[in-house]
Amino acid sequence: MGWRWRKTIGRGPFRWTLSRRGVGWSFGIPGLRYGHSPSGQPYVSVGIPGTGLYWIKYFNGSSSASRQGGRPGRGNPMNQEPYSGFKVTEQEFADNPDPRVPCVLLLDTSASMSGEPIAELNLGLQQYRDELLMDNLASRRVEVAIFRFGGDVGLERDFVIARQFDPPALQASGHTPMAEAIMRGIKHLEERKATYQSNGVAYYRPWIFLITDGEPTDGDDAWRVACEAVRLGEQQKKFTFFAVGTGAANYDKLRQLSPTRQPLRLKGIAFREMFRWLSNSQTRVSQSQVGTHIALPPATGDGGWADVPT
């Protein structure tokens, strides 16, 4: 049997499935649903949320089928449509239709971060996860993706909600391709926003959070392109960009990224304090209405984790 077009839209406990064979509907809770397929057969679906593993029972006595990861079952006499390749992606929004707070972390893992700095950065990521898990809404709504840049640029963690976030153990090596990391982070964020939109999921203005102890090594032209992309994105309110420097960071370069927001200088290696602030800020955002302005806790001053370099 060939693959056929299929699209699912979810709102709360309800879900509508559109395909060339018609419109199906279902309602239920994560792991248990009742509905009618696009071809008109009533069914019950039981599964394990977030795994893509589910069992379907049709009520006309013809068949039952077990499927994993959206693969079509074999020997289905009802000719039920197989689920498309993007079924697993959509399942996460059916199980959790909450609005999202997307955050891209761009983390410098170049050789100059070796030793205590990279160790503290790793501890900070673990604390970031733990603090988000302490709030029910933040744990469901904040989504984290991580790009590291050291020697090359790599996607260490793709977007997942805080409940599913497993902090990586970063290692330091190589040079600092910061401009490439910024461009890849922006592109990945735009792709995620398109996924939200296609699934009818609301989202807060995304965050991009850059942490570096150096300066870009991928050339002046690449840096100018990255700076323009950040300035345009902020101007069009596509995201909010934060630049944080530590150690011997080049703050003159970081100032070129945003005309409206000055870079911050980390006090010592206070990564854990910085990530505590980040989790507290995103918790506040996740508890608000989409589109409203939220005052963030101060990052500088007495008791803050940063100051503004001069």
Protein backbone atom coordinates (compact mmCIF):
# COMPACT_ATOMS: atom_id res chain seq x y z
CA MET A 1 0.00 0.00 0.00
CA GLY A 2 1.39 3.45 -0.86
CA TRP A 3 1.56 6.40 1.49
CA ARG A 4 -1.29 8.90 1.35
CA TRP A 5 -1.63 12.51 2.44
CA ARG A 6 -2.94 12.95 5.98
CA LYS A 7 -3.12 15.96 8.32
CA THR A 8 -4.20 16.15 11.95
CA ILE A 9 -5.31 19.28 13.82
CA GLY A 10 -5.74 19.21 17.59
CA ARG A 11 -7.49 21.56 20.00
CA GLY A 12 -7.61 20.49 23.62
CA PRO A 13 -9.08 16.98 23.86
CA PHE A 14 -10.44 17.12 20.27
CA ARG A 15 -8.64 16.16 17.08
CA TRP A 16 -9.72 16.34 13.42
CA THR A 17 -7.98 14.31 10.72
CA LEU A 18 -8.12 15.52 7.11
CA SER A 19 -7.22 13.28 4.19
CA ARG A 20 -8.22 12.51 0.62
CA ARG A 21 -10.76 10.04 1.99
CA GLY A 22 -12.61 12.54 4.15
CA VAL A 23 -12.56 14.05 7.62
CA GLY A 24 -12.19 12.01 10.78
CA TRP A 25 -12.52 13.12 14.37
CA SER A 26 -11.63 11.93 17.84
CA PHE A 27 -11.53 13.09 21.44
CA GLY A 28 -9.86 11.84 24.59
CA ILE A 29 -6.86 12.19 26.84
CA PRO A 30 -3.19 11.38 26.18
CA GLY A 31 -3.00 7.64 25.59
CA LEU A 32 -6.75 7.03 25.16
CA ARG A 33 -8.99 8.29 22.37
CA TYR A 34 -12.37 7.49 20.76
CA GLY A 35 -13.29 8.64 17.27
CA HIS A 36 -14.26 7.95 13.66
CA SER A 37 -11.66 7.47 10.94
CA PRO A 38 -11.86 9.48 7.67
CA SER A 39 -13.46 6.41 6.09
CA GLY A 40 -16.19 6.37 8.76
CA GLN A 41 -15.24 3.50 11.06
CA PRO A 42 -15.57 4.10 14.82
CA TYR A 43 -12.51 3.14 16.86
CA VAL A 44 -10.74 3.32 20.19
CA SER A 45 -6.99 4.03 20.32
CA VAL A 46 -4.87 3.12 23.35
CA GLY A 47 -1.19 3.95 23.50
CA ILE A 48 1.82 5.22 25.38
CA PRO A 49 2.02 9.04 25.05
CA GLY A 50 5.12 10.35 23.31
CA THR A 51 6.34 6.95 22.04
CA GLY A 52 4.39 6.55 18.79
CA LEU A 53 3.22 3.09 20.03
CA TYR A 54 -0.54 2.65 20.00
CA TRP A 55 -3.26 0.00 19.53
CA ILE A 56 -6.45 0.60 17.57
CA LYS A 57 -9.70 -1.38 17.85
CA TYR A 58 -12.40 -0.89 15.21
CA PHE A 59 -15.98 -1.53 16.24
CA ASN A 60 -17.38 -3.17 13.15
CA GLY A 61 -15.73 -6.46 14.10
CA SER A 62 -13.39 -6.53 11.13
CA SER A 63 -9.97 -5.79 12.53
CA SER A 64 -7.65 -4.47 15.14
CA ALA A 65 -4.16 -3.20 14.44
CA SER A 66 -1.04 -2.37 16.38
CA ARG A 67 1.37 0.18 14.98
CA GLN A 68 4.61 1.81 16.02
CA GLY A 69 6.13 5.05 14.89
CA GLY A 70 3.45 5.61 12.22
CA ARG A 71 4.27 2.44 10.26
CA PRO A 72 1.28 0.89 8.49
CA GLY A 73 -0.01 -2.40 9.87
CA ARG A 74 -0.05 -5.49 7.67
CA GLY A 75 -3.15 -7.45 6.72
CA ASN A 76 -5.64 -4.67 7.45
CA PRO A 77 -8.87 -5.78 5.64
CA MET A 78 -10.52 -2.40 6.31
CA ASN A 79 -7.90 -0.64 4.17
CA GLN A 80 -7.40 1.91 6.96
CA GLU A 81 -5.05 4.66 5.84
CA PRO A 82 -1.52 4.38 7.22
CA TYR A 83 -0.38 7.30 9.32
CA SER A 84 1.95 9.69 7.55
CA GLY A 85 5.61 10.16 8.42
CA PHE A 86 4.88 13.29 10.45
CA LYS A 87 2.39 11.55 12.74
CA VAL A 88 4.91 11.19 15.58
CA THR A 89 5.73 14.91 15.45
CA GLU A 90 2.07 15.82 15.69
CA GLN A 91 1.46 13.37 18.54
CA GLU A 92 3.45 15.57 20.91
CA PHE A 93 1.03 18.43 20.33
CA ALA A 94 -2.02 16.21 20.64
CA ASP A 95 -0.71 14.95 23.99
CA ASN A 96 0.32 18.43 25.11
CA PRO A 97 -1.44 21.30 23.26
CA ASP A 98 -0.12 23.98 25.65
CA PRO A 99 1.47 27.08 24.10
CA ARG A 100 5.24 26.82 23.85
CA VAL A 101 8.11 28.98 25.08
CA PRO A 102 10.90 28.04 22.64
CA CYS A 103 14.50 28.74 23.63
CA VAL A 104 17.64 28.13 21.57
CA LEU A 105 20.88 27.97 23.56
CA LEU A 106 24.02 28.75 21.55
CA LEU A 107 26.91 27.54 23.72
CA ASP A 108 30.60 28.20 23.14
CA THR A 109 32.53 24.96 23.58
CA SER A 110 35.80 26.12 22.03
CA ALA A 111 39.15 25.14 23.55
CA SER A 112 39.30 28.26 25.72
CA MET A 113 36.32 26.94 27.69
CA SER A 114 38.34 23.93 28.91
CA GLY A 115 38.52 23.05 32.57
CA GLU A 116 36.36 24.75 35.17
CA PRO A 117 34.31 26.90 32.74
CA ILE A 118 32.95 23.95 30.74
CA ALA A 119 32.37 21.98 33.95
CA GLU A 120 30.34 24.86 35.42
CA LEU A 121 28.45 25.29 32.16
CA ASN A 122 27.42 21.62 32.29
CA LEU A 123 26.31 21.97 35.91
CA GLY A 124 24.35 25.07 34.95
CA LEU A 125 22.45 23.15 32.26
CA GLN A 126 21.46 20.50 34.79
CA GLN A 127 20.25 23.15 37.21
CA TYR A 128 18.32 24.85 34.40
CA ARG A 129 16.46 21.61 33.74
CA ASP A 130 15.84 20.95 37.45
CA GLU A 131 14.45 24.44 38.08
CA LEU A 132 12.08 24.26 35.10
CA LEU A 133 10.77 20.92 36.37
CA MET A 134 9.76 22.55 39.65
CA ASP A 135 6.95 24.44 37.88
CA ASN A 136 4.16 22.43 36.23
CA LEU A 137 3.44 24.96 33.46
CA ALA A 138 7.08 25.67 32.67
CA SER A 139 7.87 21.96 32.49
CA ARG A 140 5.13 21.55 29.86
CA ARG A 141 5.62 24.76 27.92
CA VAL A 142 9.33 25.67 27.80
CA GLU A 143 11.07 23.96 24.88
CA VAL A 144 14.86 23.85 24.68
CA ALA A 145 17.24 23.27 21.78
CA ILE A 146 21.02 23.43 22.11
CA PHE A 147 23.68 24.21 19.51
CA ARG A 148 27.30 23.98 20.61
CA PHE A 149 30.08 25.68 18.67
CA GLY A 150 33.65 24.54 19.20
CA GLY A 151 35.67 23.38 16.20
CA ASP A 152 32.38 22.98 14.34
CA VAL A 153 28.70 23.62 15.01
CA GLY A 154 26.48 20.81 16.24
CA LEU A 155 22.86 20.40 17.29
CA GLU A 156 23.32 18.79 20.70
CA ARG A 157 19.64 18.71 21.63
CA ASP A 158 16.62 19.26 19.40
CA PHE A 159 13.49 20.98 20.70
CA VAL A 160 11.89 19.13 23.60
CA ILE A 161 9.80 20.32 26.52
CA ALA A 162 11.60 20.65 29.85
CA ARG A 163 10.11 17.38 31.09
CA GLN A 164 11.97 15.56 28.33
CA PHE A 165 15.15 17.64 28.34
CA ASP A 166 18.32 15.68 29.01
CA PRO A 167 21.26 18.10 29.39
CA PRO A 168 24.31 17.09 27.34
CA ALA A 169 27.81 16.66 28.74
CA LEU A 170 29.65 19.27 26.68
CA GLN A 171 33.38 19.08 25.96
CA ALA A 172 35.65 21.94 24.93
CA SER A 173 37.79 21.90 21.79
CA GLY A 174 38.59 23.81 18.63
CA HIS A 175 37.95 27.34 17.42
CA THR A 176 34.81 29.51 17.65
CA PRO A 177 32.45 29.43 14.62
CA MET A 178 30.00 31.77 16.33
CA ALA A 179 28.45 33.27 13.20
CA GLU A 180 27.56 29.84 11.83
CA ALA A 181 26.02 28.86 15.17
CA ILE A 182 23.84 31.99 15.16
CA MET A 183 22.61 31.40 11.62
CA ARG A 184 21.85 27.73 12.26
CA GLY A 185 20.07 28.58 15.48
CA ILE A 186 17.84 31.15 13.77
CA LYS A 187 17.04 28.76 10.91
CA HIS A 188 16.19 25.93 13.31
CA LEU A 189 13.97 28.23 15.34
CA GLU A 190 12.04 29.36 12.25
CA GLU A 191 11.48 25.72 11.30
CA ARG A 192 10.12 24.99 14.77
CA LYS A 193 7.77 27.97 14.60
CA ALA A 194 6.46 26.66 11.27
CA THR A 195 5.76 23.32 12.98
CA TYR A 196 3.80 25.10 15.72
CA GLN A 197 1.77 26.99 13.14
CA SER A 198 0.98 23.92 11.05
CA ASN A 199 -0.28 22.13 14.16
CA GLY A 200 -2.32 25.05 15.53
CA VAL A 201 -0.09 25.49 18.60
CA ALA A 202 0.38 28.98 20.04
CA TYR A 203 3.82 30.15 21.12
CA TYR A 204 5.42 33.00 23.01
CA ARG A 205 8.12 35.12 21.47
CA PRO A 206 11.14 32.79 21.24
CA TRP A 207 14.45 33.32 23.01
CA ILE A 208 17.94 32.87 21.58
CA PHE A 209 20.60 32.82 24.29
CA LEU A 210 24.26 33.05 23.23
CA ILE A 211 27.10 32.32 25.68
CA THR A 212 30.73 32.80 24.64
CA ASP A 213 34.17 33.48 26.07
CA GLY A 214 35.78 34.54 22.82
CA GLU A 215 35.12 36.06 19.42
CA PRO A 216 33.93 34.66 16.09
CA THR A 217 36.55 32.89 14.00
CA ASP A 218 34.50 32.30 10.86
CA GLY A 219 35.37 35.58 9.12
CA ASP A 220 34.14 39.18 8.96
CA ASP A 221 31.68 38.55 6.13
CA ALA A 222 29.97 35.70 7.99
CA TRP A 223 29.82 37.83 11.12
CA ARG A 224 28.17 40.74 9.29
CA VAL A 225 25.53 38.38 7.90
CA ALA A 226 24.86 36.95 11.37
CA CYS A 227 24.59 40.43 12.92
CA GLU A 228 22.13 41.53 10.25
CA ALA A 229 20.05 38.40 10.79
CA VAL A 230 19.85 39.06 14.54
CA ARG A 231 19.00 42.74 14.09
CA LEU A 232 16.31 41.97 11.51
CA GLY A 233 14.83 39.19 13.64
CA GLU A 234 14.58 41.43 16.68
CA GLN A 235 13.19 44.31 14.63
CA GLN A 236 10.46 42.04 13.26
CA LYS A 237 9.85 40.61 16.75
CA LYS A 238 10.67 37.10 15.56
CA PHE A 239 12.73 36.41 18.68
CA THR A 240 14.52 38.03 21.61
CA PHE A 241 18.30 37.69 21.49
CA PHE A 242 20.57 37.67 24.53
CA ALA A 243 24.38 37.71 24.32
CA VAL A 244 26.39 36.79 27.41
CA GLY A 245 30.15 36.97 27.55
CA THR A 246 32.56 35.41 29.99
CA GLY A 247 36.32 35.33 30.34
CA ALA A 248 38.03 37.06 27.42
CA ALA A 249 34.88 37.57 25.33
CA ASN A 250 35.06 40.30 22.69
CA TYR A 251 32.29 42.64 23.83
CA ASP A 252 32.82 45.02 20.93
CA LYS A 253 31.82 42.18 18.62
CA LEU A 254 28.87 41.19 20.79
CA ARG A 255 27.56 44.78 20.80
CA GLN A 256 27.23 44.56 17.02
CA LEU A 257 24.56 41.88 17.34
CA SER A 258 21.77 44.03 18.76
CA PRO A 259 21.31 47.82 18.70
CA THR A 260 18.71 47.65 21.48
CA ARG A 261 20.12 45.15 23.98
CA GLN A 262 23.63 45.39 25.38
CA PRO A 263 25.61 42.19 25.95
CA LEU A 264 26.02 41.06 29.53
CA ARG A 265 29.24 40.01 31.22
CA LEU A 266 29.02 36.98 33.47
CA LYS A 267 30.40 37.51 36.95
CA GLY A 268 33.21 34.99 37.16
CA ILE A 269 31.87 31.61 36.13
CA ALA A 270 28.40 32.05 37.65
CA PHE A 271 26.74 29.80 35.06
CA ARG A 272 24.44 28.21 37.63
CA GLU A 273 23.18 31.61 38.79
CA MET A 274 22.65 32.63 35.16
CA PHE A 275 20.63 29.50 34.37
CA ARG A 276 18.59 29.98 37.53
CA TRP A 277 17.69 33.45 36.24
CA LEU A 278 16.88 32.00 32.82
CA SER A 279 14.57 29.33 34.26
CA ASN A 280 12.87 31.85 36.57
CA SER A 281 12.32 34.24 33.65
CA GLN A 282 10.87 31.55 31.41
CA THR A 283 8.66 30.30 34.22
CA ARG A 284 7.18 33.80 34.49
CA VAL A 285 6.61 33.88 30.74
CA SER A 286 4.99 30.43 30.68
CA GLN A 287 2.47 31.53 33.32
CA SER A 288 1.33 34.54 31.30
CA GLN A 289 -1.00 34.98 28.35
CA VAL A 290 0.59 34.74 24.91
CA GLY A 291 1.41 38.22 23.61
CA THR A 292 1.53 40.01 26.98
CA HIS A 293 4.59 41.87 28.23
CA ILE A 294 6.30 40.32 31.25
CA ALA A 295 8.88 42.09 33.40
CA LEU A 296 11.90 39.84 33.84
CA PRO A 297 13.86 39.60 37.08
CA PRO A 298 17.02 41.76 37.09
CA ALA A 299 20.22 40.13 35.87
CA THR A 300 22.55 42.90 36.99
CA GLY A 301 23.05 44.87 40.19
CA ASP A 302 23.39 43.59 43.74
CA GLY A 303 22.82 39.88 43.80
CA GLY A 304 22.75 39.63 40.00
CA TRP A 305 24.80 37.20 37.95
CA ALA A 306 26.06 39.74 35.40
CA ASP A 307 27.12 43.29 34.79
CA VAL A 308 27.18 45.50 31.70
CA PRO A 309 30.69 45.79 30.21
CA THR A 310 31.91 49.28 29.37
